[in-house]
C-alpha cells in the first residue's frame, strides 16, 4: 500500500501547494488525480515517488518510510514515475543504454530480458538499438514507460504523460495502460485530460490544495453533478452516455471504451429489430 498521512507542502517563501493530504492506494488499483492547473497535482506525484519531501506529514510504501536514505533503492524499485515531457527522461543515444541506466543504478540483474520484455509491452521491441532522440514524442514517451516497466515497480506514477503527444500517440499509451491494468499493475494517473479518468477505479479531485472529492468508478454516473459543480469537463464518453440515457436509452458500461459502447448499442439495435 502507498499511504500518505497529513501531507502538506509549501515553498520556503511560505506559498502553500498542498495541505493535509490523506490518501491510501492499494496494490492493483488504477487511480486518477485531477484538478485545475496550480492545484498541486504534479507536486503530489513527486511526493508519492519520493522525489520531493513533504513539509509536513509522511509517506510510506508498503510500510517503508519513503524518505529515509537507507531505503532509497528499495523505494526506487517499488515506485516508478513518468513525467509530462518525454525528452526530460532521455539521457543516452541508444534506447538500450537509456533503459539500462536505471537498472544499473538499482543493481538489477537480467537486464537484457527486462529490457526486451518492457519494450514488447509498449510495442517498441524493434527500437532497442535506435537513437531515442530521433524518435517522435509519442515513441519517446513509450520508451520512458518501458524504462519504468523494466524495473518492475509495484506502483507506477504517470504525471500527465500524454499532454505533449498527438491523438494517435495518446491512443497507444491508453492501450498500454489498459493492458497494464489487466495485469493488475498499480497505476497513478495525474491528468488534465478527462477521457483518461475512464481507466480508473477511483478519481481523486484536488481543489484549493486539498482532496475535495474521491469518486469510485461505480459511482461515476451518480456523481456527475458534483463534477459539473467543480467545473470539471465530463469525458466525451460520459457525455455521450448521459445523452443516450436522457433519450431513454439506458447503458450499463463495465468498460468505458468506444468498443464496449459500440457493442452495447449494436446489441440494442439488433434486439429491437
C-alpha atoms as a PDB file:
ATOM      1  CA  UNK A   1       0.000   0.000   0.000  1.00  0.00           C
ATOM      2  CA  UNK A   2       1.122   3.561  -0.802  1.00  0.00           C
ATOM      3  CA  UNK A   3      -0.024   5.686   2.108  1.00  0.00           C
ATOM      4  CA  UNK A   4       0.066   9.456   2.687  1.00  0.00           C
ATOM      5  CA  UNK A   5      -0.733  10.821   6.139  1.00  0.00           C
ATOM      6  CA  UNK A   6      -1.372  14.535   6.795  1.00  0.00           C
ATOM      7  CA  UNK A   7       0.919  15.530   3.910  1.00  0.00           C
ATOM      8  CA  UNK A   8       1.436  19.244   3.256  1.00  0.00           C
ATOM      9  CA  UNK A   9       3.960  21.012   1.064  1.00  0.00           C
ATOM     10  CA  UNK A  10       4.976  24.650   0.839  1.00  0.00           C
ATOM     11  CA  UNK A  11       7.950  26.522  -0.535  1.00  0.00           C
ATOM     12  CA  UNK A  12      10.403  28.487   1.577  1.00  0.00           C
ATOM     13  CA  UNK A  13       8.526  31.685   0.760  1.00  0.00           C
ATOM     14  CA  UNK A  14       5.513  30.193   2.540  1.00  0.00           C
ATOM     15  CA  UNK A  15       3.432  29.546  -0.596  1.00  0.00           C
ATOM     16  CA  UNK A  16       1.209  26.527   0.056  1.00  0.00           C
ATOM     17  CA  UNK A  17       0.969  23.883  -2.658  1.00  0.00           C
ATOM     18  CA  UNK A  18      -0.725  21.022  -0.782  1.00  0.00           C
ATOM     19  CA  UNK A  19      -2.494  20.914   2.564  1.00  0.00           C
ATOM     20  CA  UNK A  20      -3.254  17.935   4.805  1.00  0.00           C
ATOM     21  CA  UNK A  21      -3.466  15.162   2.197  1.00  0.00           C
ATOM     22  CA  UNK A  22      -4.576  11.752   3.467  1.00  0.00           C
ATOM     23  CA  UNK A  23      -4.646   9.055   0.826  1.00  0.00           C
ATOM     24  CA  UNK A  24      -4.230   5.293   0.549  1.00  0.00           C
ATOM     25  CA  UNK A  25      -3.614   3.498  -2.740  1.00  0.00           C
ATOM     26  CA  UNK A  26      -3.902  -0.269  -2.765  1.00  0.00           C
ATOM     27  CA  UNK A  27      -1.831  -2.544  -4.951  1.00  0.00           C
ATOM     28  CA  UNK A  28      -3.628  -3.240  -8.243  1.00  0.00           C
ATOM     29  CA  UNK A  29      -5.652  -0.006  -8.242  1.00  0.00           C
ATOM     30  CA  UNK A  30      -5.756   2.498 -11.072  1.00  0.00           C
ATOM     31  CA  UNK A  31      -6.246   5.967  -9.610  1.00  0.00           C
ATOM     32  CA  UNK A  32      -6.607   9.281 -11.454  1.00  0.00           C
ATOM     33  CA  UNK A  33      -5.671  12.561  -9.791  1.00  0.00           C
ATOM     34  CA  UNK A  34      -7.395  15.502 -11.457  1.00  0.00           C
ATOM     35  CA  UNK A  35      -7.862  19.202 -10.809  1.00  0.00           C
ATOM     36  CA  UNK A  36      -7.244  22.589 -12.337  1.00  0.00           C
ATOM     37  CA  UNK A  37      -3.735  23.893 -13.022  1.00  0.00           C
ATOM     38  CA  UNK A  38      -1.954  25.032  -9.894  1.00  0.00           C
ATOM     39  CA  UNK A  39      -3.748  22.641  -7.546  1.00  0.00           C
ATOM     40  CA  UNK A  40      -0.566  20.676  -6.823  1.00  0.00           C
ATOM     41  CA  UNK A  41      -1.103  17.521  -8.890  1.00  0.00           C
ATOM     42  CA  UNK A  42       2.492  17.235 -10.108  1.00  0.00           C
ATOM     43  CA  UNK A  43       3.845  18.099  -6.664  1.00  0.00           C
ATOM     44  CA  UNK A  44       1.720  15.301  -5.222  1.00  0.00           C
ATOM     45  CA  UNK A  45       3.098  12.871  -7.832  1.00  0.00           C
ATOM     46  CA  UNK A  46       6.692  13.777  -6.948  1.00  0.00           C
ATOM     47  CA  UNK A  47       5.988  13.356  -3.240  1.00  0.00           C
ATOM     48  CA  UNK A  48       4.492   9.902  -3.896  1.00  0.00           C
ATOM     49  CA  UNK A  49       7.600   8.968  -5.881  1.00  0.00           C
ATOM     50  CA  UNK A  50       9.921  10.100  -3.084  1.00  0.00           C
ATOM     51  CA  UNK A  51      11.415  12.876  -5.220  1.00  0.00           C
ATOM     52  CA  UNK A  52      10.053  15.695  -3.050  1.00  0.00           C
ATOM     53  CA  UNK A  53       9.839  15.526   0.711  1.00  0.00           C
ATOM     54  CA  UNK A  54       6.648  16.947   2.234  1.00  0.00           C
ATOM     55  CA  UNK A  55       6.920  19.916   4.578  1.00  0.00           C
ATOM     56  CA  UNK A  56       4.634  18.071   6.965  1.00  0.00           C
ATOM     57  CA  UNK A  57       3.319  14.518   7.195  1.00  0.00           C
ATOM     58  CA  UNK A  58       4.787  11.291   5.920  1.00  0.00           C
ATOM     59  CA  UNK A  59       4.611   8.819   3.052  1.00  0.00           C
ATOM     60  CA  UNK A  60       5.088   5.082   3.383  1.00  0.00           C
ATOM     61  CA  UNK A  61       5.420   2.497   0.622  1.00  0.00           C
ATOM     62  CA  UNK A  62       4.474  -0.975   1.829  1.00  0.00           C
ATOM     63  CA  UNK A  63       5.242   0.233   5.343  1.00  0.00           C
ATOM     64  CA  UNK A  64       8.661   1.710   4.420  1.00  0.00           C
ATOM     65  CA  UNK A  65       9.366   5.404   5.074  1.00  0.00           C
ATOM     66  CA  UNK A  66       9.844   6.880   1.609  1.00  0.00           C
ATOM     67  CA  UNK A  67      12.464   9.426   2.712  1.00  0.00           C
ATOM     68  CA  UNK A  68      14.976   7.548   4.823  1.00  0.00           C
ATOM     69  CA  UNK A  69      18.280   7.312   2.945  1.00  0.00           C
ATOM     70  CA  UNK A  70      18.726   3.640   3.807  1.00  0.00           C
ATOM     71  CA  UNK A  71      15.513   2.889   1.887  1.00  0.00           C
ATOM     72  CA  UNK A  72      16.443   4.862  -1.242  1.00  0.00           C
ATOM     73  CA  UNK A  73      16.991   1.878  -3.553  1.00  0.00           C
ATOM     74  CA  UNK A  74      14.038  -0.048  -2.144  1.00  0.00           C
ATOM     75  CA  UNK A  75      11.686   2.853  -2.884  1.00  0.00           C
ATOM     76  CA  UNK A  76      13.106   3.317  -6.401  1.00  0.00           C
ATOM     77  CA  UNK A  77      12.418  -0.355  -7.088  1.00  0.00           C
ATOM     78  CA  UNK A  78       8.873  -0.101  -5.763  1.00  0.00           C
ATOM     79  CA  UNK A  79       7.816   3.233  -7.341  1.00  0.00           C
ATOM     80  CA  UNK A  80       8.473   4.455 -10.887  1.00  0.00           C
ATOM     81  CA  UNK A  81       7.454   7.778 -12.409  1.00  0.00           C
ATOM     82  CA  UNK A  82       6.992   9.032 -15.988  1.00  0.00           C
ATOM     83  CA  UNK A  83       6.988  12.798 -16.473  1.00  0.00           C
ATOM     84  CA  UNK A  84       4.999  15.061 -18.779  1.00  0.00           C
ATOM     85  CA  UNK A  85       7.830  15.969 -21.152  1.00  0.00           C
ATOM     86  CA  UNK A  86       9.124  12.787 -22.820  1.00  0.00           C
ATOM     87  CA  UNK A  87      12.515  14.362 -23.506  1.00  0.00           C
ATOM     88  CA  UNK A  88      13.271  15.053 -19.841  1.00  0.00           C
ATOM     89  CA  UNK A  89      13.983  11.393 -19.055  1.00  0.00           C
ATOM     90  CA  UNK A  90      16.193  10.535 -22.034  1.00  0.00           C
ATOM     91  CA  UNK A  91      19.953  10.604 -21.420  1.00  0.00           C
ATOM     92  CA  UNK A  92      21.689   8.347 -23.945  1.00  0.00           C
ATOM     93  CA  UNK A  93      21.858   7.891 -27.724  1.00  0.00           C
ATOM     94  CA  UNK A  94      20.665   4.299 -27.540  1.00  0.00           C
ATOM     95  CA  UNK A  95      17.289   3.020 -26.326  1.00  0.00           C
ATOM     96  CA  UNK A  96      19.012   0.022 -24.747  1.00  0.00           C
ATOM     97  CA  UNK A  97      21.601   2.153 -22.916  1.00  0.00           C
ATOM     98  CA  UNK A  98      18.924   4.563 -21.755  1.00  0.00           C
ATOM     99  CA  UNK A  99      16.838   1.763 -20.267  1.00  0.00           C
ATOM    100  CA  UNK A 100      19.871   0.020 -18.783  1.00  0.00           C
ATOM    101  CA  UNK A 101      20.876   3.169 -16.887  1.00  0.00           C
ATOM    102  CA  UNK A 102      18.195   2.832 -14.192  1.00  0.00           C
ATOM    103  CA  UNK A 103      18.722  -0.919 -13.982  1.00  0.00           C
ATOM    104  CA  UNK A 104      22.445  -0.380 -13.368  1.00  0.00           C
ATOM    105  CA  UNK A 105      21.775   2.242 -10.699  1.00  0.00           C
ATOM    106  CA  UNK A 106      19.496  -0.171  -8.864  1.00  0.00           C
ATOM    107  CA  UNK A 107      21.862  -3.117  -9.350  1.00  0.00           C
ATOM    108  CA  UNK A 108      19.143  -5.130 -11.082  1.00  0.00           C
ATOM    109  CA  UNK A 109      20.180  -8.277 -12.936  1.00  0.00           C
ATOM    110  CA  UNK A 110      18.846  -9.996 -16.074  1.00  0.00           C
ATOM    111  CA  UNK A 111      18.877  -6.638 -17.828  1.00  0.00           C
ATOM    112  CA  UNK A 112      18.566  -7.905 -21.398  1.00  0.00           C
ATOM    113  CA  UNK A 113      15.352  -9.832 -20.711  1.00  0.00           C
ATOM    114  CA  UNK A 114      13.930  -6.985 -18.617  1.00  0.00           C
ATOM    115  CA  UNK A 115      14.508  -4.521 -21.452  1.00  0.00           C
ATOM    116  CA  UNK A 116      13.132  -6.814 -24.171  1.00  0.00           C
ATOM    117  CA  UNK A 117      10.002  -7.630 -22.147  1.00  0.00           C
ATOM    118  CA  UNK A 118       9.357  -3.977 -21.307  1.00  0.00           C
ATOM    119  CA  UNK A 119       9.777  -2.837 -24.910  1.00  0.00           C
ATOM    120  CA  UNK A 120       7.353  -5.546 -26.034  1.00  0.00           C
ATOM    121  CA  UNK A 121       4.730  -4.287 -23.576  1.00  0.00           C
ATOM    122  CA  UNK A 122       4.830  -0.820 -25.162  1.00  0.00           C
ATOM    123  CA  UNK A 123       5.077  -2.029 -28.769  1.00  0.00           C
ATOM    124  CA  UNK A 124       8.639  -0.746 -29.239  1.00  0.00           C
ATOM    125  CA  UNK A 125      10.602  -4.006 -29.399  1.00  0.00           C
ATOM    126  CA  UNK A 126      12.025  -3.076 -32.828  1.00  0.00           C
ATOM    127  CA  UNK A 127      13.626   0.102 -31.462  1.00  0.00           C
ATOM    128  CA  UNK A 128      16.101  -1.360 -28.976  1.00  0.00           C
ATOM    129  CA  UNK A 129      19.157  -0.119 -30.929  1.00  0.00           C
ATOM    130  CA  UNK A 130      17.636   3.171 -32.112  1.00  0.00           C
ATOM    131  CA  UNK A 131      18.619   6.668 -31.017  1.00  0.00           C
ATOM    132  CA  UNK A 132      15.726   7.825 -28.774  1.00  0.00           C
ATOM    133  CA  UNK A 133      16.399  11.480 -29.572  1.00  0.00           C
ATOM    134  CA  UNK A 134      15.368  10.773 -33.178  1.00  0.00           C
ATOM    135  CA  UNK A 135      12.005   9.265 -32.250  1.00  0.00           C
ATOM    136  CA  UNK A 136       8.638  11.042 -32.155  1.00  0.00           C
ATOM    137  CA  UNK A 137       7.365  12.420 -28.851  1.00  0.00           C
ATOM    138  CA  UNK A 138       4.882   9.555 -28.558  1.00  0.00           C
ATOM    139  CA  UNK A 139       7.602   6.981 -29.181  1.00  0.00           C
ATOM    140  CA  UNK A 140       9.883   8.686 -26.659  1.00  0.00           C
ATOM    141  CA  UNK A 141       7.161   8.527 -24.039  1.00  0.00           C
ATOM    142  CA  UNK A 142       6.622   4.837 -24.707  1.00  0.00           C
ATOM    143  CA  UNK A 143      10.364   4.289 -24.223  1.00  0.00           C
ATOM    144  CA  UNK A 144      10.112   6.155 -20.889  1.00  0.00           C
ATOM    145  CA  UNK A 145       7.219   3.934 -19.846  1.00  0.00           C
ATOM    146  CA  UNK A 146       9.250   0.881 -20.858  1.00  0.00           C
ATOM    147  CA  UNK A 147      12.202   2.130 -18.784  1.00  0.00           C
ATOM    148  CA  UNK A 148       9.955   2.194 -15.723  1.00  0.00           C
ATOM    149  CA  UNK A 149       8.412  -1.190 -16.528  1.00  0.00           C
ATOM    150  CA  UNK A 150      11.876  -2.756 -16.857  1.00  0.00           C
ATOM    151  CA  UNK A 151      12.430  -2.062 -13.155  1.00  0.00           C
ATOM    152  CA  UNK A 152       9.131  -3.877 -12.475  1.00  0.00           C
ATOM    153  CA  UNK A 153       7.795  -1.436  -9.846  1.00  0.00           C
ATOM    154  CA  UNK A 154       4.687  -2.194  -7.796  1.00  0.00           C
ATOM    155  CA  UNK A 155       3.493   1.397  -8.191  1.00  0.00           C
ATOM    156  CA  UNK A 156       3.668   3.352 -11.447  1.00  0.00           C
ATOM    157  CA  UNK A 157       3.046   7.104 -11.497  1.00  0.00           C
ATOM    158  CA  UNK A 158       2.304   8.893 -14.770  1.00  0.00           C
ATOM    159  CA  UNK A 159       2.396  12.685 -14.485  1.00  0.00           C
ATOM    160  CA  UNK A 160       0.280  13.960 -17.408  1.00  0.00           C
ATOM    161  CA  UNK A 161       2.092  11.579 -19.789  1.00  0.00           C
ATOM    162  CA  UNK A 162       0.025  12.395 -22.898  1.00  0.00           C
ATOM    163  CA  UNK A 163      -0.077  16.208 -22.703  1.00  0.00           C
ATOM    164  CA  UNK A 164       2.554  16.784 -25.395  1.00  0.00           C
ATOM    165  CA  UNK A 165       1.550  13.872 -27.620  1.00  0.00           C
ATOM    166  CA  UNK A 166      -0.730  13.759 -30.675  1.00  0.00           C
ATOM    167  CA  UNK A 167      -4.028  11.871 -30.764  1.00  0.00           C
ATOM    168  CA  UNK A 168      -2.513   8.714 -32.261  1.00  0.00           C
ATOM    169  CA  UNK A 169       0.212   8.647 -29.603  1.00  0.00           C
ATOM    170  CA  UNK A 170      -2.365   9.166 -26.866  1.00  0.00           C
ATOM    171  CA  UNK A 171      -4.380   6.161 -28.026  1.00  0.00           C
ATOM    172  CA  UNK A 172      -1.288   3.950 -27.998  1.00  0.00           C
ATOM    173  CA  UNK A 173      -0.497   4.964 -24.425  1.00  0.00           C
ATOM    174  CA  UNK A 174      -4.135   4.377 -23.369  1.00  0.00           C
ATOM    175  CA  UNK A 175      -3.882   0.897 -24.875  1.00  0.00           C
ATOM    176  CA  UNK A 176      -0.698   0.233 -22.875  1.00  0.00           C
ATOM    177  CA  UNK A 177      -2.407   1.397 -19.687  1.00  0.00           C
ATOM    178  CA  UNK A 178      -5.440  -0.813 -20.321  1.00  0.00           C
ATOM    179  CA  UNK A 179      -3.179  -3.839 -20.763  1.00  0.00           C
ATOM    180  CA  UNK A 180      -1.228  -2.998 -17.608  1.00  0.00           C
ATOM    181  CA  UNK A 181      -4.498  -2.650 -15.711  1.00  0.00           C
ATOM    182  CA  UNK A 182      -5.460  -6.175 -16.812  1.00  0.00           C
ATOM    183  CA  UNK A 183      -2.114  -7.338 -15.400  1.00  0.00           C
ATOM    184  CA  UNK A 184      -3.046  -5.713 -12.040  1.00  0.00           C
ATOM    185  CA  UNK A 185      -0.336  -3.057 -12.282  1.00  0.00           C
ATOM    186  CA  UNK A 186      -0.916  -0.254  -9.785  1.00  0.00           C
ATOM    187  CA  UNK A 187      -1.181   2.997 -11.778  1.00  0.00           C
ATOM    188  CA  UNK A 188      -1.486   6.560 -10.504  1.00  0.00           C
ATOM    189  CA  UNK A 189      -2.546   8.798 -13.382  1.00  0.00           C
ATOM    190  CA  UNK A 190      -2.058  12.552 -12.879  1.00  0.00           C
ATOM    191  CA  UNK A 191      -4.049  14.167 -15.667  1.00  0.00           C
ATOM    192  CA  UNK A 192      -5.821  17.170 -17.122  1.00  0.00           C
ATOM    193  CA  UNK A 193      -7.385  15.054 -19.880  1.00  0.00           C
ATOM    194  CA  UNK A 194     -10.760  13.912 -18.626  1.00  0.00           C
ATOM    195  CA  UNK A 195     -11.002  10.956 -21.006  1.00  0.00           C
ATOM    196  CA  UNK A 196      -8.077   9.392 -19.139  1.00  0.00           C
ATOM    197  CA  UNK A 197     -10.080   9.033 -15.918  1.00  0.00           C
ATOM    198  CA  UNK A 198     -12.167   6.274 -17.503  1.00  0.00           C
ATOM    199  CA  UNK A 199      -9.404   3.750 -16.818  1.00  0.00           C
ATOM    200  CA  UNK A 200      -9.611   4.432 -13.095  1.00  0.00           C
ATOM    201  CA  UNK A 201     -11.016   2.588 -10.111  1.00  0.00           C
ATOM    202  CA  UNK A 202     -11.056   5.889  -8.206  1.00  0.00           C
ATOM    203  CA  UNK A 203     -10.863   9.559  -9.166  1.00  0.00           C
ATOM    204  CA  UNK A 204      -9.143  11.933  -6.720  1.00  0.00           C
ATOM    205  CA  UNK A 205     -10.180  15.564  -7.207  1.00  0.00           C
ATOM    206  CA  UNK A 206      -7.829  18.258  -5.908  1.00  0.00           C
ATOM    207  CA  UNK A 207      -9.265  21.687  -5.173  1.00  0.00           C
ATOM    208  CA  UNK A 208      -7.879  24.518  -3.050  1.00  0.00           C
ATOM    209  CA  UNK A 209      -4.730  22.432  -2.417  1.00  0.00           C
ATOM    210  CA  UNK A 210      -6.743  19.663  -0.740  1.00  0.00           C
ATOM    211  CA  UNK A 211      -8.606  16.490  -1.684  1.00  0.00           C
ATOM    212  CA  UNK A 212     -12.096  17.773  -2.454  1.00  0.00           C
ATOM    213  CA  UNK A 213     -13.750  14.531  -3.573  1.00  0.00           C
ATOM    214  CA  UNK A 214     -12.915  10.875  -4.121  1.00  0.00           C
ATOM    215  CA  UNK A 215     -15.225   9.241  -6.650  1.00  0.00           C
ATOM    216  CA  UNK A 216     -15.302   5.485  -7.137  1.00  0.00           C
ATOM    217  CA  UNK A 217     -15.684   4.111 -10.642  1.00  0.00           C
ATOM    218  CA  UNK A 218     -19.097   2.614  -9.902  1.00  0.00           C
ATOM    219  CA  UNK A 219     -20.310   5.980  -8.539  1.00  0.00           C
ATOM    220  CA  UNK A 220     -19.289   7.984 -11.592  1.00  0.00           C
ATOM    221  CA  UNK A 221     -22.762   8.474 -13.090  1.00  0.00           C
ATOM    222  CA  UNK A 222     -24.217   9.249  -9.663  1.00  0.00           C
ATOM    223  CA  UNK A 223     -21.593  11.968  -9.113  1.00  0.00           C
ATOM    224  CA  UNK A 224     -21.814  13.772 -12.455  1.00  0.00           C
ATOM    225  CA  UNK A 225     -23.435  16.812 -10.840  1.00  0.00           C
ATOM    226  CA  UNK A 226     -20.562  17.033  -8.364  1.00  0.00           C
ATOM    227  CA  UNK A 227     -18.062  17.053 -11.227  1.00  0.00           C
ATOM    228  CA  UNK A 228     -20.023  19.734 -13.043  1.00  0.00           C
ATOM    229  CA  UNK A 229     -20.240  21.890  -9.882  1.00  0.00           C
ATOM    230  CA  UNK A 230     -16.466  21.772  -9.708  1.00  0.00           C
ATOM    231  CA  UNK A 231     -16.335  22.979 -13.349  1.00  0.00           C
ATOM    232  CA  UNK A 232     -14.704  19.724 -14.429  1.00  0.00           C
ATOM    233  CA  UNK A 233     -15.454  18.874 -18.035  1.00  0.00           C
ATOM    234  CA  UNK A 234     -17.005  15.448 -18.366  1.00  0.00           C
ATOM    235  CA  UNK A 235     -15.189  12.908 -20.573  1.00  0.00           C
ATOM    236  CA  UNK A 236     -16.595  12.642 -24.108  1.00  0.00           C
ATOM    237  CA  UNK A 237     -17.685   9.055 -23.494  1.00  0.00           C
ATOM    238  CA  UNK A 238     -19.600  10.024 -20.335  1.00  0.00           C
ATOM    239  CA  UNK A 239     -21.284  12.973 -22.053  1.00  0.00           C
ATOM    240  CA  UNK A 240     -22.424  10.678 -24.878  1.00  0.00           C
ATOM    241  CA  UNK A 241     -23.781   8.014 -22.498  1.00  0.00           C
ATOM    242  CA  UNK A 242     -25.527  10.752 -20.493  1.00  0.00           C
ATOM    243  CA  UNK A 243     -27.267  11.999 -23.646  1.00  0.00           C
ATOM    244  CA  UNK A 244     -28.329   8.451 -24.517  1.00  0.00           C
ATOM    245  CA  UNK A 245     -29.791   7.961 -21.040  1.00  0.00           C
ATOM    246  CA  UNK A 246     -31.636  11.273 -21.242  1.00  0.00           C
ATOM    247  CA  UNK A 247     -33.134   9.998 -24.505  1.00  0.00           C
ATOM    248  CA  UNK A 248     -34.340   6.824 -22.821  1.00  0.00           C
ATOM    249  CA  UNK A 249     -31.516   4.548 -23.931  1.00  0.00           C
ATOM    250  CA  UNK A 250     -30.087   3.064 -20.749  1.00  0.00           C
ATOM    251  CA  UNK A 251     -26.466   1.982 -20.973  1.00  0.00           C
ATOM    252  CA  UNK A 252     -24.601  -0.018 -18.331  1.00  0.00           C
ATOM    253  CA  UNK A 253     -20.900   0.037 -19.181  1.00  0.00           C
ATOM    254  CA  UNK A 254     -18.387  -2.226 -17.460  1.00  0.00           C
ATOM    255  CA  UNK A 255     -15.553  -0.763 -19.530  1.00  0.00           C
ATOM    256  CA  UNK A 256     -15.652   2.861 -20.617  1.00  0.00           C
ATOM    257  CA  UNK A 257     -14.319   2.286 -24.122  1.00  0.00           C
ATOM    258  CA  UNK A 258     -15.713   3.071 -27.570  1.00  0.00           C
ATOM    259  CA  UNK A 259     -15.567  -0.641 -28.421  1.00  0.00           C
ATOM    260  CA  UNK A 260     -17.661  -1.610 -25.359  1.00  0.00           C
ATOM    261  CA  UNK A 261     -20.188   1.151 -26.033  1.00  0.00           C
ATOM    262  CA  UNK A 262     -20.466   0.184 -29.709  1.00  0.00           C
ATOM    263  CA  UNK A 263     -21.187  -3.476 -28.827  1.00  0.00           C
ATOM    264  CA  UNK A 264     -23.966  -2.484 -26.411  1.00  0.00           C
ATOM    265  CA  UNK A 265     -25.599  -0.104 -28.918  1.00  0.00           C
ATOM    266  CA  UNK A 266     -25.376  -2.689 -31.730  1.00  0.00           C
ATOM    267  CA  UNK A 267     -26.914  -5.273 -29.400  1.00  0.00           C
ATOM    268  CA  UNK A 268     -29.821  -2.951 -28.565  1.00  0.00           C
ATOM    269  CA  UNK A 269     -30.430  -2.254 -32.256  1.00  0.00           C
ATOM    270  CA  UNK A 270     -30.494  -5.984 -33.081  1.00  0.00           C
ATOM    271  CA  UNK A 271     -32.880  -6.688 -30.205  1.00  0.00           C
ATOM    272  CA  UNK A 272     -35.284  -4.008 -31.425  1.00  0.00           C
ATOM    273  CA  UNK A 273     -35.366  -5.367 -34.973  1.00  0.00           C
END
